[in-house]
């Protein structure tokens, strides 16, 4: 309807009337300020509203209207649009973006939404498979570590530094270690992609992992925290990580 009024090239007139008269003209909204005179902009047989801004003389001067987005808010709708040459420029940019995206999918531009949904579904499936694989890897690695490490005073201390695991994997491995064994203490670190530490112990063990991590972080210059049984922290660089883990292990009385 809006664009039809643009094509019809309706006249746009502006006039001043008293507030009392404006109230009787059925305006969509009256300005809140008290004024003796209101400027009314009248798009012939289409719209009448109070406005002090700049307007075209005829709707045809607008040339183009491009609706960008609309959303329901409270008791109405919020509409985003551009008009005139900006509408043309925006439409061209949108088309170029869509064409480039279609080329990435080797598809027609009209098939982009379908291809994007398909790709997202595949990504979700692959992410789920990856998470499952990491779960299995952590469980297997935890089992192997617990099997190879001798028990001392009824406990097994696992100290390991990885060069290709992230913080999430460290946490997963720590959880597997402390659940597979009721007497495990794990001091784990990774140097890449982002240096980090994870300290954990099986439930019921006497140490304070949060306090131990804080002490270690003070030496390395990192930040972290956690609970008595599980704590984690990040580092700016990996320098001194192996030595810090060794010092943390020595501080435990096993």
Protein backbone atom coordinates (compact mmCIF):
# COMPACT_ATOMS: atom_id res chain seq x y z
CA UNK A 1 0.00 0.00 0.00
CA UNK A 2 2.85 2.37 0.85
CA UNK A 3 4.69 1.68 -2.39
CA UNK A 4 1.44 2.03 -4.35
CA UNK A 5 1.04 5.56 -3.00
CA UNK A 6 4.60 6.30 -4.16
CA UNK A 7 3.81 5.16 -7.70
CA UNK A 8 0.62 7.21 -7.70
CA UNK A 9 2.74 10.31 -7.16
CA UNK A 10 0.33 11.84 -4.67
CA UNK A 11 0.75 15.47 -3.66
CA UNK A 12 2.26 16.16 -0.25
CA UNK A 13 1.04 19.40 1.36
CA UNK A 14 2.06 21.09 4.60
CA UNK A 15 -0.09 23.54 6.54
CA UNK A 16 -0.37 25.03 10.00
CA UNK A 17 -3.49 24.65 12.12
CA UNK A 18 -4.40 25.27 15.73
CA UNK A 19 -4.13 22.41 18.19
CA UNK A 20 -7.87 22.46 18.76
CA UNK A 21 -8.52 22.03 15.06
CA UNK A 22 -5.86 19.32 14.78
CA UNK A 23 -7.59 17.31 17.48
CA UNK A 24 -10.70 17.17 15.30
CA UNK A 25 -8.90 15.99 12.16
CA UNK A 26 -8.27 12.43 13.35
CA UNK A 27 -4.48 12.50 13.46
CA UNK A 28 -2.72 9.23 14.22
CA UNK A 29 -0.85 10.92 17.08
CA UNK A 30 -0.70 14.41 18.48
CA UNK A 31 2.67 15.79 19.64
CA UNK A 32 2.96 15.80 23.45
CA UNK A 33 4.22 19.41 23.59
CA UNK A 34 1.67 22.19 24.03
CA UNK A 35 1.81 24.46 21.00
CA UNK A 36 -0.63 26.96 19.57
CA UNK A 37 0.16 25.95 15.99
CA UNK A 38 0.92 22.51 14.61
CA UNK A 39 2.45 21.76 11.24
CA UNK A 40 0.48 19.04 9.48
CA UNK A 41 1.81 17.07 6.55
CA UNK A 42 -0.94 15.73 4.33
CA UNK A 43 -0.33 12.95 1.80
CA UNK A 44 -3.50 13.35 -0.20
CA UNK A 45 -6.07 10.63 0.54
CA UNK A 46 -3.45 8.55 2.35
CA UNK A 47 -2.05 10.03 5.57
CA UNK A 48 -2.27 13.12 7.75
CA UNK A 49 0.20 13.61 10.56
CA UNK A 50 1.89 16.34 12.61
CA UNK A 51 5.54 16.65 11.60
CA UNK A 52 8.15 19.39 11.50
CA UNK A 53 10.58 17.57 9.22
CA UNK A 54 11.49 17.86 5.56
CA UNK A 55 9.12 16.24 3.05
CA UNK A 56 8.93 15.74 -0.69
CA UNK A 57 6.40 17.67 -2.76
CA UNK A 58 5.05 14.50 -4.37
CA UNK A 59 5.36 10.87 -3.27
CA UNK A 60 6.86 9.91 -6.63
CA UNK A 61 10.05 11.75 -5.65
CA UNK A 62 10.73 8.97 -3.14
CA UNK A 63 11.23 6.61 -6.11
CA UNK A 64 11.96 3.41 -4.15
CA UNK A 65 11.06 1.95 -0.78
CA UNK A 66 12.87 -1.14 0.51
CA UNK A 67 11.48 -2.87 3.60
CA UNK A 68 14.43 -4.29 5.53
CA UNK A 69 12.84 -5.77 8.63
CA UNK A 70 9.64 -5.78 10.66
CA UNK A 71 9.06 -7.14 14.14
CA UNK A 72 6.21 -7.09 16.62
CA UNK A 73 6.86 -4.93 19.70
CA UNK A 74 4.33 -4.52 22.49
CA UNK A 75 1.12 -3.33 20.85
CA UNK A 76 2.53 -2.56 17.40
CA UNK A 77 5.30 -3.24 14.93
CA UNK A 78 8.80 -1.83 14.44
CA UNK A 79 9.66 -1.38 10.77
CA UNK A 80 13.10 -0.80 9.28
CA UNK A 81 13.26 0.56 5.74
CA UNK A 82 15.32 2.70 3.37
CA UNK A 83 14.08 4.87 0.56
CA UNK A 84 15.23 6.67 -2.57
CA UNK A 85 18.74 6.04 -3.85
CA UNK A 86 19.69 4.45 -0.55
CA UNK A 87 17.06 1.78 -1.23
CA UNK A 88 18.61 1.09 -4.63
CA UNK A 89 22.15 0.98 -3.23
CA UNK A 90 21.05 -1.29 -0.38
CA UNK A 91 19.22 -3.64 -2.75
CA UNK A 92 22.31 -3.89 -4.95
CA UNK A 93 24.49 -4.65 -1.93
CA UNK A 94 22.02 -7.26 -0.71
CA UNK A 95 21.95 -8.90 -4.13
CA UNK A 96 25.75 -8.95 -4.33
CA UNK A 97 25.95 -10.53 -0.87
CA UNK A 98 23.32 -13.11 -1.80
CA UNK A 99 25.08 -13.90 -5.09
CA UNK A 100 28.42 -14.35 -3.34
CA UNK A 101 26.81 -16.60 -0.72
CA UNK A 102 25.10 -18.68 -3.42
CA UNK A 103 28.47 -19.17 -5.13
CA UNK A 104 29.91 -20.56 -1.89
CA UNK A 105 27.15 -23.17 -1.90
CA UNK A 106 27.36 -23.69 -5.68
CA UNK A 107 23.63 -22.99 -5.75
CA UNK A 108 21.05 -20.62 -7.17
CA UNK A 109 20.41 -17.53 -5.03
CA UNK A 110 16.87 -18.74 -4.36
CA UNK A 111 18.24 -21.94 -2.84
CA UNK A 112 20.51 -20.19 -0.33
CA UNK A 113 18.13 -20.48 2.67
CA UNK A 114 17.68 -24.22 2.06
CA UNK A 115 21.42 -24.75 1.62
CA UNK A 116 22.18 -22.71 4.74
CA UNK A 117 19.75 -24.78 6.82
CA UNK A 118 21.28 -27.98 5.43
CA UNK A 119 24.78 -26.80 6.32
CA UNK A 120 23.73 -25.82 9.83
CA UNK A 121 22.18 -29.25 10.35
CA UNK A 122 25.41 -30.89 9.16
CA UNK A 123 27.48 -28.68 11.48
CA UNK A 124 25.29 -29.61 14.44
CA UNK A 125 25.63 -33.29 13.57
CA UNK A 126 29.42 -33.04 13.24
CA UNK A 127 29.67 -31.11 16.50
CA UNK A 128 27.69 -33.82 18.26
CA UNK A 129 29.93 -36.50 16.76
CA UNK A 130 33.03 -34.57 17.83
CA UNK A 131 31.73 -34.20 21.38
CA UNK A 132 31.00 -37.92 21.52
CA UNK A 133 34.47 -38.73 20.19
CA UNK A 134 36.13 -36.45 22.75
CA UNK A 135 34.04 -38.06 25.47
CA UNK A 136 35.25 -41.51 24.43
CA UNK A 137 38.84 -40.32 24.03
CA UNK A 138 38.87 -38.73 27.48
CA UNK A 139 37.40 -41.87 29.04
CA UNK A 140 39.97 -44.10 27.33
CA UNK A 141 42.86 -41.78 28.19
CA UNK A 142 41.74 -41.57 31.80
CA UNK A 143 41.60 -45.35 32.04
CA UNK A 144 45.09 -45.67 30.55
CA UNK A 145 46.58 -43.03 32.86
CA UNK A 146 45.06 -44.59 35.95
CA UNK A 147 46.36 -48.00 34.89
CA UNK A 148 49.95 -46.83 34.37
CA UNK A 149 50.31 -44.58 37.41
CA UNK A 150 51.25 -46.39 40.65
CA UNK A 151 49.23 -45.75 43.76
CA UNK A 152 50.94 -43.96 46.64
CA UNK A 153 49.40 -43.93 50.11
CA UNK A 154 46.08 -44.95 48.65
CA UNK A 155 45.99 -42.21 45.99
CA UNK A 156 46.94 -41.77 42.33
CA UNK A 157 48.45 -38.45 41.28
CA UNK A 158 48.09 -37.66 37.56
CA UNK A 159 50.30 -34.83 36.31
CA UNK A 160 50.18 -34.17 32.57
CA UNK A 161 50.88 -31.29 30.17
CA UNK A 162 49.31 -31.36 26.70
CA UNK A 163 50.38 -29.34 23.68
CA UNK A 164 47.29 -29.77 21.51
CA UNK A 165 44.23 -29.81 23.78
CA UNK A 166 41.89 -27.05 24.83
CA UNK A 167 40.49 -26.22 28.26
CA UNK A 168 37.26 -28.12 27.62
CA UNK A 169 39.14 -31.35 27.01
CA UNK A 170 41.19 -30.85 30.17
CA UNK A 171 37.99 -30.49 32.19
CA UNK A 172 36.51 -33.56 30.53
CA UNK A 173 39.63 -35.62 31.23
CA UNK A 174 39.73 -34.41 34.83
CA UNK A 175 36.10 -35.46 35.31
CA UNK A 176 36.77 -38.92 33.85
CA UNK A 177 39.83 -39.41 36.05
CA UNK A 178 38.11 -38.42 39.27
CA UNK A 179 34.99 -40.47 38.50
CA UNK A 180 36.74 -43.62 37.33
CA UNK A 181 38.81 -43.62 40.51
CA UNK A 182 37.73 -42.69 44.02
CA UNK A 183 41.31 -41.75 44.91
CA UNK A 184 42.55 -39.65 41.98
CA UNK A 185 44.21 -36.24 42.03
CA UNK A 186 44.71 -34.63 38.60
CA UNK A 187 46.97 -31.69 37.81
CA UNK A 188 46.51 -31.01 34.10
CA UNK A 189 47.76 -28.29 31.77
CA UNK A 190 47.65 -27.37 28.10
CA UNK A 191 50.07 -25.10 26.28
CA UNK A 192 48.08 -24.72 23.03
CA UNK A 193 45.87 -23.32 21.59
CA UNK A 194 45.34 -21.31 24.80
CA UNK A 195 47.43 -22.12 27.87
CA UNK A 196 45.29 -23.29 30.79
CA UNK A 197 45.28 -25.39 33.96
CA UNK A 198 42.73 -27.75 35.50
CA UNK A 199 43.18 -29.19 38.99
CA UNK A 200 40.76 -31.85 40.23
CA UNK A 201 40.38 -34.56 42.84
CA UNK A 202 37.92 -37.37 43.51
CA UNK A 203 35.14 -36.60 45.96
CA UNK A 204 36.25 -37.11 49.54
CA UNK A 205 39.94 -36.37 48.97
CA UNK A 206 41.48 -33.94 51.49
CA UNK A 207 43.05 -31.28 49.29
CA UNK A 208 41.76 -27.89 48.21
CA UNK A 209 42.11 -27.60 44.42
CA UNK A 210 40.95 -23.97 44.32
CA UNK A 211 43.62 -22.92 46.83
CA UNK A 212 46.29 -24.93 45.03
CA UNK A 213 45.34 -23.41 41.69
CA UNK A 214 45.42 -19.91 43.15
CA UNK A 215 48.89 -20.51 44.51
CA UNK A 216 50.07 -21.85 41.14
CA UNK A 217 48.47 -18.99 39.24
CA UNK A 218 50.29 -16.49 41.43
CA UNK A 219 53.56 -17.97 40.18
CA UNK A 220 52.49 -18.06 36.51
CA UNK A 221 50.60 -14.78 36.42
CA UNK A 222 47.25 -16.22 35.37
CA UNK A 223 43.71 -16.06 36.66
CA UNK A 224 41.25 -18.73 37.72
CA UNK A 225 39.12 -20.25 40.41
CA UNK A 226 36.80 -23.05 41.31
CA UNK A 227 35.78 -25.34 44.14
CA UNK A 228 37.54 -27.68 46.55
CA UNK A 229 37.32 -30.56 44.07
CA UNK A 230 37.65 -28.78 40.68
CA UNK A 231 39.39 -25.57 39.66
CA UNK A 232 40.52 -24.08 36.38
CA UNK A 233 42.40 -21.06 35.10
CA UNK A 234 43.81 -19.40 32.00
CA UNK A 235 47.31 -18.16 31.26
CA UNK A 236 48.76 -15.52 28.98
CA UNK A 237 51.59 -17.80 27.88
CA UNK A 238 52.87 -21.32 28.53
CA UNK A 239 56.25 -20.39 29.94
CA UNK A 240 56.96 -22.22 33.18
CA UNK A 241 53.84 -24.40 33.09
CA UNK A 242 55.66 -27.76 33.45
CA UNK A 243 57.73 -26.51 36.37
CA UNK A 244 54.65 -25.02 38.05
CA UNK A 245 52.82 -28.35 37.76
CA UNK A 246 55.76 -30.17 39.27
CA UNK A 247 55.87 -27.69 42.17
CA UNK A 248 52.13 -28.10 42.73
CA UNK A 249 52.52 -31.88 42.79
CA UNK A 250 55.36 -31.66 45.32
CA UNK A 251 53.23 -29.49 47.60
CA UNK A 252 50.71 -32.30 47.99
CA UNK A 253 51.35 -34.75 50.79
CA UNK A 254 50.62 -38.19 49.32
